[in-house]
Amino acid sequence: MSLLECRKLNKNYGGSFALNDIDLQIEPGRIVGLLGPNGSGKTTLIKLINGLLTPTGGEVLIDGRKPSPETKAIVSYLPERNALSEWMSAKQAMDYYADFFEDFNRDKAKEMIRNLGLDEQARIKTMSKGTREKLQLILVMSREAKLYLLDEPIGGVDPATRDYILRTIISNYNENASVIISTHLIADVEQVLDDVIFLREGHIELHESVDEIRNEKGTSVDALFREVFRC
């Protein structure tokens, strides 16, 4: 059984389709890049998978089930914008995750926060943008989830922070889980990807493994993306 399946998935906003007839299967153990220009439907697809939006048509199945409280228990979601309250300390943010998610591994989170050199009592409002991004990702990746949905995890941060975030992603998911990374910074994430999905105006333009792109097409994902989406 696929970990994630979309069947003829549609999402309509006021007469225009953000997603149109999406058929998709993702198996366990894959890191998948969800790639496309702004407005291609990446965030809409992630929100549908996470149950934050309702499909106009078709369906999403996670581990064979439609989005529900049961699937939220196995999906760990990193939104594009910081979702942590600024008054919280790092410790309070961990408490928050521990209260909401039974699969939250506090020891793992504490170790990564310590490796980051961050005081658990430090308040989020005093942290730099990069440190906030790191903290939120640490919390998301400290869940023992089956599916991780990361919406623009490296957008707007410096290259050193991007490297830290990518290392955190690689080293903190298990082989039976999958990770979907939505991003437009393809060259930065290509090194960690197993598969890529190109979205164009709500349609899947391409869904292939990175190895197939390199071996059969003789090009990088970044170069192929630039060719496919050339203006």
C-alpha atoms as a PDB file:
ATOM      1  CA  MET A   1       0.000   0.000   0.000  1.00  0.00           C
ATOM      2  CA  SER A   2       1.228   3.507  -0.836  1.00  0.00           C
ATOM      3  CA  LEU A   3       1.877   5.785   2.109  1.00  0.00           C
ATOM      4  CA  LEU A   4       0.233   8.656   0.221  1.00  0.00           C
ATOM      5  CA  GLU A   5      -2.212   8.436  -2.650  1.00  0.00           C
ATOM      6  CA  CYS A   6      -4.116  11.169  -4.471  1.00  0.00           C
ATOM      7  CA  ARG A   7      -6.910  10.130  -6.817  1.00  0.00           C
ATOM      8  CA  LYS A   8      -8.277  12.664  -9.333  1.00  0.00           C
ATOM      9  CA  LEU A   9      -7.692  15.342  -6.711  1.00  0.00           C
ATOM     10  CA  ASN A  10      -9.137  18.772  -7.486  1.00  0.00           C
ATOM     11  CA  LYS A  11      -9.227  22.062  -5.593  1.00  0.00           C
ATOM     12  CA  ASN A  12     -11.220  24.957  -6.959  1.00  0.00           C
ATOM     13  CA  TYR A  13     -11.061  28.545  -5.700  1.00  0.00           C
ATOM     14  CA  GLY A  14     -13.863  30.730  -7.030  1.00  0.00           C
ATOM     15  CA  GLY A  15     -14.065  29.096 -10.431  1.00  0.00           C
ATOM     16  CA  SER A  16     -10.334  28.533 -11.014  1.00  0.00           C
ATOM     17  CA  PHE A  17      -8.511  25.293 -10.308  1.00  0.00           C
ATOM     18  CA  ALA A  18      -5.534  25.431  -7.969  1.00  0.00           C
ATOM     19  CA  LEU A  19      -5.177  21.662  -8.497  1.00  0.00           C
ATOM     20  CA  ASN A  20      -6.710  19.708 -11.351  1.00  0.00           C
ATOM     21  CA  ASP A  21      -6.936  15.886 -11.567  1.00  0.00           C
ATOM     22  CA  ILE A  22      -3.877  15.078  -9.463  1.00  0.00           C
ATOM     23  CA  ASP A  23      -3.026  11.362  -9.466  1.00  0.00           C
ATOM     24  CA  LEU A  24      -0.092  10.598  -7.212  1.00  0.00           C
ATOM     25  CA  GLN A  25       1.424   7.731  -5.235  1.00  0.00           C
ATOM     26  CA  ILE A  26       4.317   7.996  -2.787  1.00  0.00           C
ATOM     27  CA  GLU A  27       5.870   4.937  -1.185  1.00  0.00           C
ATOM     28  CA  PRO A  28       7.473   4.774   2.282  1.00  0.00           C
ATOM     29  CA  GLY A  29      11.152   5.627   2.643  1.00  0.00           C
ATOM     30  CA  ARG A  30      11.361   8.432   0.063  1.00  0.00           C
ATOM     31  CA  ILE A  31      12.405  12.086   0.267  1.00  0.00           C
ATOM     32  CA  VAL A  32      10.346  13.843  -2.392  1.00  0.00           C
ATOM     33  CA  GLY A  33      10.818  17.336  -3.765  1.00  0.00           C
ATOM     34  CA  LEU A  34       7.551  19.100  -4.612  1.00  0.00           C
ATOM     35  CA  LEU A  35       8.760  21.666  -7.118  1.00  0.00           C
ATOM     36  CA  GLY A  36       7.099  24.344  -9.185  1.00  0.00           C
ATOM     37  CA  PRO A  37       6.853  28.095  -9.747  1.00  0.00           C
ATOM     38  CA  ASN A  38       4.904  30.310  -7.354  1.00  0.00           C
ATOM     39  CA  GLY A  39       1.183  29.671  -7.771  1.00  0.00           C
ATOM     40  CA  SER A  40       1.637  26.145  -9.140  1.00  0.00           C
ATOM     41  CA  GLY A  41      -0.371  24.543  -6.301  1.00  0.00           C
ATOM     42  CA  LYS A  42       2.377  23.251  -3.983  1.00  0.00           C
ATOM     43  CA  THR A  43       1.013  24.716  -0.740  1.00  0.00           C
ATOM     44  CA  THR A  44      -2.566  23.811  -1.701  1.00  0.00           C
ATOM     45  CA  LEU A  45      -1.538  20.184  -2.194  1.00  0.00           C
ATOM     46  CA  ILE A  46       0.277  20.061   1.143  1.00  0.00           C
ATOM     47  CA  LYS A  47      -2.715  21.573   2.953  1.00  0.00           C
ATOM     48  CA  LEU A  48      -5.068  19.054   1.332  1.00  0.00           C
ATOM     49  CA  ILE A  49      -2.829  16.177   2.428  1.00  0.00           C
ATOM     50  CA  ASN A  50      -2.731  17.615   5.941  1.00  0.00           C
ATOM     51  CA  GLY A  51      -6.514  18.022   6.074  1.00  0.00           C
ATOM     52  CA  LEU A  52      -6.387  21.819   6.318  1.00  0.00           C
ATOM     53  CA  LEU A  53      -8.373  22.159   3.087  1.00  0.00           C
ATOM     54  CA  THR A  54     -11.235  20.085   1.689  1.00  0.00           C
ATOM     55  CA  PRO A  55     -10.982  18.794  -1.900  1.00  0.00           C
ATOM     56  CA  THR A  56     -13.414  20.085  -4.498  1.00  0.00           C
ATOM     57  CA  GLY A  57     -13.230  16.633  -6.063  1.00  0.00           C
ATOM     58  CA  GLY A  58     -11.291  13.392  -5.798  1.00  0.00           C
ATOM     59  CA  GLU A  59      -9.622  12.195  -2.648  1.00  0.00           C
ATOM     60  CA  VAL A  60      -6.443  11.977  -0.603  1.00  0.00           C
ATOM     61  CA  LEU A  61      -5.501   8.763   1.213  1.00  0.00           C
ATOM     62  CA  ILE A  62      -2.777   8.611   3.856  1.00  0.00           C
ATOM     63  CA  ASP A  63      -1.874   5.057   4.808  1.00  0.00           C
ATOM     64  CA  GLY A  64      -5.191   4.081   3.211  1.00  0.00           C
ATOM     65  CA  ARG A  65      -7.288   6.619   5.144  1.00  0.00           C
ATOM     66  CA  LYS A  66      -8.780  10.003   4.296  1.00  0.00           C
ATOM     67  CA  PRO A  67      -7.386  12.995   6.251  1.00  0.00           C
ATOM     68  CA  SER A  68      -8.753  12.808   9.793  1.00  0.00           C
ATOM     69  CA  PRO A  69      -7.587  13.008  13.412  1.00  0.00           C
ATOM     70  CA  GLU A  70      -6.157   9.501  12.890  1.00  0.00           C
ATOM     71  CA  THR A  71      -4.001  10.602   9.942  1.00  0.00           C
ATOM     72  CA  LYS A  72      -2.928  13.807  11.710  1.00  0.00           C
ATOM     73  CA  ALA A  73      -1.406  11.507  14.328  1.00  0.00           C
ATOM     74  CA  ILE A  74       1.009  10.144  11.707  1.00  0.00           C
ATOM     75  CA  VAL A  75       1.630  13.334   9.679  1.00  0.00           C
ATOM     76  CA  SER A  76       4.110  15.969  10.862  1.00  0.00           C
ATOM     77  CA  TYR A  77       3.578  19.348   9.186  1.00  0.00           C
ATOM     78  CA  LEU A  78       5.898  22.327   8.883  1.00  0.00           C
ATOM     79  CA  PRO A  79       3.938  25.336   7.595  1.00  0.00           C
ATOM     80  CA  GLU A  80       5.518  27.992   5.401  1.00  0.00           C
ATOM     81  CA  ARG A  81       5.160  30.601   8.155  1.00  0.00           C
ATOM     82  CA  ASN A  82       6.336  30.269  11.744  1.00  0.00           C
ATOM     83  CA  ALA A  83       3.467  28.758  13.735  1.00  0.00           C
ATOM     84  CA  LEU A  84       5.053  29.054  17.197  1.00  0.00           C
ATOM     85  CA  SER A  85       3.838  31.750  19.586  1.00  0.00           C
ATOM     86  CA  GLU A  86       6.537  34.343  20.236  1.00  0.00           C
ATOM     87  CA  TRP A  87       5.936  34.365  24.005  1.00  0.00           C
ATOM     88  CA  MET A  88       6.962  30.699  24.242  1.00  0.00           C
ATOM     89  CA  SER A  89      10.391  29.542  25.295  1.00  0.00           C
ATOM     90  CA  ALA A  90      12.035  26.616  23.501  1.00  0.00           C
ATOM     91  CA  LYS A  91      11.059  24.431  26.482  1.00  0.00           C
ATOM     92  CA  GLN A  92       7.428  25.586  26.341  1.00  0.00           C
ATOM     93  CA  ALA A  93       7.359  24.834  22.623  1.00  0.00           C
ATOM     94  CA  MET A  94       8.540  21.292  23.403  1.00  0.00           C
ATOM     95  CA  ASP A  95       5.845  21.012  26.100  1.00  0.00           C
ATOM     96  CA  TYR A  96       3.269  22.125  23.528  1.00  0.00           C
ATOM     97  CA  TYR A  97       4.344  19.448  21.041  1.00  0.00           C
ATOM     98  CA  ALA A  98       4.480  16.784  23.762  1.00  0.00           C
ATOM     99  CA  ASP A  99       0.896  17.644  24.800  1.00  0.00           C
ATOM    100  CA  PHE A 100      -0.472  17.431  21.258  1.00  0.00           C
ATOM    101  CA  PHE A 101       1.513  14.583  19.726  1.00  0.00           C
ATOM    102  CA  GLU A 102       1.988  11.193  21.356  1.00  0.00           C
ATOM    103  CA  ASP A 103       4.825  10.417  18.955  1.00  0.00           C
ATOM    104  CA  PHE A 104       6.898  13.461  19.978  1.00  0.00           C
ATOM    105  CA  ASN A 105      10.386  12.391  21.060  1.00  0.00           C
ATOM    106  CA  ARG A 106      11.431  14.978  23.632  1.00  0.00           C
ATOM    107  CA  ASP A 107      14.889  13.464  24.111  1.00  0.00           C
ATOM    108  CA  LYS A 108      15.600  13.829  20.394  1.00  0.00           C
ATOM    109  CA  ALA A 109      14.367  17.429  20.417  1.00  0.00           C
ATOM    110  CA  LYS A 110      16.413  18.314  23.502  1.00  0.00           C
ATOM    111  CA  GLU A 111      19.556  16.856  21.943  1.00  0.00           C
ATOM    112  CA  MET A 112      19.117  18.826  18.704  1.00  0.00           C
ATOM    113  CA  ILE A 113      18.353  22.034  20.615  1.00  0.00           C
ATOM    114  CA  ARG A 114      21.480  21.465  22.690  1.00  0.00           C
ATOM    115  CA  ASN A 115      23.524  20.844  19.522  1.00  0.00           C
ATOM    116  CA  LEU A 116      22.177  24.111  18.198  1.00  0.00           C
ATOM    117  CA  GLY A 117      23.619  25.833  21.276  1.00  0.00           C
ATOM    118  CA  LEU A 118      20.192  27.165  22.218  1.00  0.00           C
ATOM    119  CA  ASP A 119      19.092  27.768  25.801  1.00  0.00           C
ATOM    120  CA  GLU A 120      15.778  25.969  26.430  1.00  0.00           C
ATOM    121  CA  GLN A 121      14.612  29.012  28.403  1.00  0.00           C
ATOM    122  CA  ALA A 122      15.243  31.380  25.472  1.00  0.00           C
ATOM    123  CA  ARG A 123      12.033  32.953  24.204  1.00  0.00           C
ATOM    124  CA  ILE A 124      11.122  32.705  20.546  1.00  0.00           C
ATOM    125  CA  LYS A 125      10.645  36.469  20.250  1.00  0.00           C
ATOM    126  CA  THR A 126      14.339  36.966  21.068  1.00  0.00           C
ATOM    127  CA  MET A 127      15.560  34.474  18.411  1.00  0.00           C
ATOM    128  CA  SER A 128      16.813  35.334  14.949  1.00  0.00           C
ATOM    129  CA  LYS A 129      14.725  34.256  11.945  1.00  0.00           C
ATOM    130  CA  GLY A 130      17.188  31.449  11.216  1.00  0.00           C
ATOM    131  CA  THR A 131      17.063  30.131  14.784  1.00  0.00           C
ATOM    132  CA  ARG A 132      13.253  30.186  14.777  1.00  0.00           C
ATOM    133  CA  GLU A 133      13.256  28.205  11.526  1.00  0.00           C
ATOM    134  CA  LYS A 134      15.665  25.683  13.023  1.00  0.00           C
ATOM    135  CA  LEU A 135      13.643  25.321  16.225  1.00  0.00           C
ATOM    136  CA  GLN A 136      10.365  24.769  14.404  1.00  0.00           C
ATOM    137  CA  LEU A 137      11.977  22.169  12.135  1.00  0.00           C
ATOM    138  CA  ILE A 138      13.532  20.408  15.150  1.00  0.00           C
ATOM    139  CA  LEU A 139      10.083  20.094  16.714  1.00  0.00           C
ATOM    140  CA  VAL A 140       8.512  18.789  13.498  1.00  0.00           C
ATOM    141  CA  MET A 141      11.315  16.278  12.855  1.00  0.00           C
ATOM    142  CA  SER A 142      11.286  15.087  16.484  1.00  0.00           C
ATOM    143  CA  ARG A 143       7.970  13.371  15.910  1.00  0.00           C
ATOM    144  CA  GLU A 144       8.086   9.668  15.019  1.00  0.00           C
ATOM    145  CA  ALA A 145       5.706  10.290  12.125  1.00  0.00           C
ATOM    146  CA  LYS A 146       5.109   8.325   8.934  1.00  0.00           C
ATOM    147  CA  LEU A 147       4.826  11.364   6.665  1.00  0.00           C
ATOM    148  CA  TYR A 148       6.581  14.717   7.020  1.00  0.00           C
ATOM    149  CA  LEU A 149       5.187  17.677   5.047  1.00  0.00           C
ATOM    150  CA  LEU A 150       7.657  20.560   4.885  1.00  0.00           C
ATOM    151  CA  ASP A 151       6.435  23.730   3.164  1.00  0.00           C
ATOM    152  CA  GLU A 152       9.384  25.932   2.123  1.00  0.00           C
ATOM    153  CA  PRO A 153      11.640  24.840   5.013  1.00  0.00           C
ATOM    154  CA  ILE A 154      14.696  26.676   3.639  1.00  0.00           C
ATOM    155  CA  GLY A 155      13.076  29.797   2.214  1.00  0.00           C
ATOM    156  CA  GLY A 156      14.428  33.124   3.426  1.00  0.00           C
ATOM    157  CA  VAL A 157      17.328  31.793   5.507  1.00  0.00           C
ATOM    158  CA  ASP A 158      21.072  32.002   4.939  1.00  0.00           C
ATOM    159  CA  PRO A 159      23.044  29.171   3.256  1.00  0.00           C
ATOM    160  CA  ALA A 160      24.540  27.910   6.542  1.00  0.00           C
ATOM    161  CA  THR A 161      21.047  27.620   8.039  1.00  0.00           C
ATOM    162  CA  ARG A 162      19.869  25.802   4.901  1.00  0.00           C
ATOM    163  CA  ASP A 163      22.660  23.265   5.327  1.00  0.00           C
ATOM    164  CA  TYR A 164      21.703  22.735   8.982  1.00  0.00           C
ATOM    165  CA  ILE A 165      18.037  22.267   8.067  1.00  0.00           C
ATOM    166  CA  LEU A 166      18.819  19.749   5.321  1.00  0.00           C
ATOM    167  CA  ARG A 167      21.125  17.761   7.618  1.00  0.00           C
ATOM    168  CA  THR A 168      18.372  17.719  10.234  1.00  0.00           C
ATOM    169  CA  ILE A 169      15.860  16.384   7.710  1.00  0.00           C
ATOM    170  CA  ILE A 170      18.167  13.629   6.460  1.00  0.00           C
ATOM    171  CA  SER A 171      19.220  12.413   9.887  1.00  0.00           C
ATOM    172  CA  ASN A 172      15.847  12.483  11.639  1.00  0.00           C
ATOM    173  CA  TYR A 173      13.382  10.494   9.604  1.00  0.00           C
ATOM    174  CA  ASN A 174      13.197   6.723   9.610  1.00  0.00           C
ATOM    175  CA  GLU A 175      13.347   4.444   6.575  1.00  0.00           C
ATOM    176  CA  ASN A 176       9.642   3.604   6.832  1.00  0.00           C
ATOM    177  CA  ALA A 177       8.608   7.253   6.661  1.00  0.00           C
ATOM    178  CA  SER A 178       8.558   9.682   3.751  1.00  0.00           C
ATOM    179  CA  VAL A 179       9.297  13.394   3.527  1.00  0.00           C
ATOM    180  CA  ILE A 180       7.733  15.849   1.076  1.00  0.00           C
ATOM    181  CA  ILE A 181       9.688  19.091   0.724  1.00  0.00           C
ATOM    182  CA  SER A 182       7.960  21.922  -1.098  1.00  0.00           C
ATOM    183  CA  THR A 183      10.498  24.459  -2.329  1.00  0.00           C
ATOM    184  CA  HIS A 184      11.649  26.620  -5.216  1.00  0.00           C
ATOM    185  CA  LEU A 185      15.313  26.423  -4.106  1.00  0.00           C
ATOM    186  CA  ILE A 186      16.010  23.308  -6.127  1.00  0.00           C
ATOM    187  CA  ALA A 187      19.806  23.411  -6.280  1.00  0.00           C
ATOM    188  CA  ASP A 188      19.931  23.561  -2.473  1.00  0.00           C
ATOM    189  CA  VAL A 189      17.732  20.495  -1.854  1.00  0.00           C
ATOM    190  CA  GLU A 190      18.594  18.322  -4.858  1.00  0.00           C
ATOM    191  CA  GLN A 191      21.351  16.522  -2.958  1.00  0.00           C
ATOM    192  CA  VAL A 192      18.878  15.027  -0.450  1.00  0.00           C
ATOM    193  CA  LEU A 193      16.022  14.069  -2.803  1.00  0.00           C
ATOM    194  CA  ASP A 194      15.030  10.591  -3.991  1.00  0.00           C
ATOM    195  CA  ASP A 195      12.157  11.722  -6.225  1.00  0.00           C
ATOM    196  CA  VAL A 196      10.809  14.952  -7.669  1.00  0.00           C
ATOM    197  CA  ILE A 197       7.359  16.138  -8.642  1.00  0.00           C
ATOM    198  CA  PHE A 198       7.065  19.119 -10.995  1.00  0.00           C
ATOM    199  CA  LEU A 199       3.792  21.014 -10.596  1.00  0.00           C
ATOM    200  CA  ARG A 200       2.604  23.433 -13.259  1.00  0.00           C
ATOM    201  CA  GLU A 201      -0.663  25.359 -12.890  1.00  0.00           C
ATOM    202  CA  GLY A 202      -2.196  22.623 -10.753  1.00  0.00           C
ATOM    203  CA  HIS A 203      -1.085  19.698 -12.931  1.00  0.00           C
ATOM    204  CA  ILE A 204       1.709  17.185 -12.394  1.00  0.00           C
ATOM    205  CA  GLU A 205       4.166  17.849 -15.200  1.00  0.00           C
ATOM    206  CA  LEU A 206       6.658  15.178 -14.119  1.00  0.00           C
ATOM    207  CA  HIS A 207       7.123  12.603 -11.338  1.00  0.00           C
ATOM    208  CA  GLU A 208      10.429  10.755 -11.541  1.00  0.00           C
ATOM    209  CA  SER A 209      13.306   9.583  -9.397  1.00  0.00           C
ATOM    210  CA  VAL A 210      16.370  11.794  -9.234  1.00  0.00           C
ATOM    211  CA  ASP A 211      18.506   8.857 -10.428  1.00  0.00           C
ATOM    212  CA  GLU A 212      16.352   8.473 -13.557  1.00  0.00           C
ATOM    213  CA  ILE A 213      16.711  12.170 -14.343  1.00  0.00           C
ATOM    214  CA  ARG A 214      20.473  12.053 -13.959  1.00  0.00           C
ATOM    215  CA  ASN A 215      21.065   8.711 -15.692  1.00  0.00           C
ATOM    216  CA  GLU A 216      18.461   8.785 -18.467  1.00  0.00           C
ATOM    217  CA  LYS A 217      18.237  12.504 -19.158  1.00  0.00           C
ATOM    218  CA  GLY A 218      21.877  13.229 -18.313  1.00  0.00           C
ATOM    219  CA  THR A 219      21.060  16.375 -16.376  1.00  0.00           C
ATOM    220  CA  SER A 220      20.506  17.687 -12.886  1.00  0.00           C
ATOM    221  CA  VAL A 221      17.068  18.295 -11.397  1.00  0.00           C
ATOM    222  CA  ASP A 222      17.815  22.027 -11.271  1.00  0.00           C
ATOM    223  CA  ALA A 223      18.812  22.134 -14.962  1.00  0.00           C
ATOM    224  CA  LEU A 224      15.748  20.091 -15.974  1.00  0.00           C
ATOM    225  CA  PHE A 225      13.474  22.365 -13.947  1.00  0.00           C
ATOM    226  CA  ARG A 226      14.909  25.442 -15.686  1.00  0.00           C
ATOM    227  CA  GLU A 227      14.345  23.786 -19.080  1.00  0.00           C
ATOM    228  CA  VAL A 228      10.774  22.675 -18.340  1.00  0.00           C
ATOM    229  CA  PHE A 229       9.704  25.984 -16.815  1.00  0.00           C
ATOM    230  CA  ARG A 230      11.664  28.323 -19.070  1.00  0.00           C
ATOM    231  CA  CYS A 231       9.726  31.546 -19.598  1.00  0.00           C
END
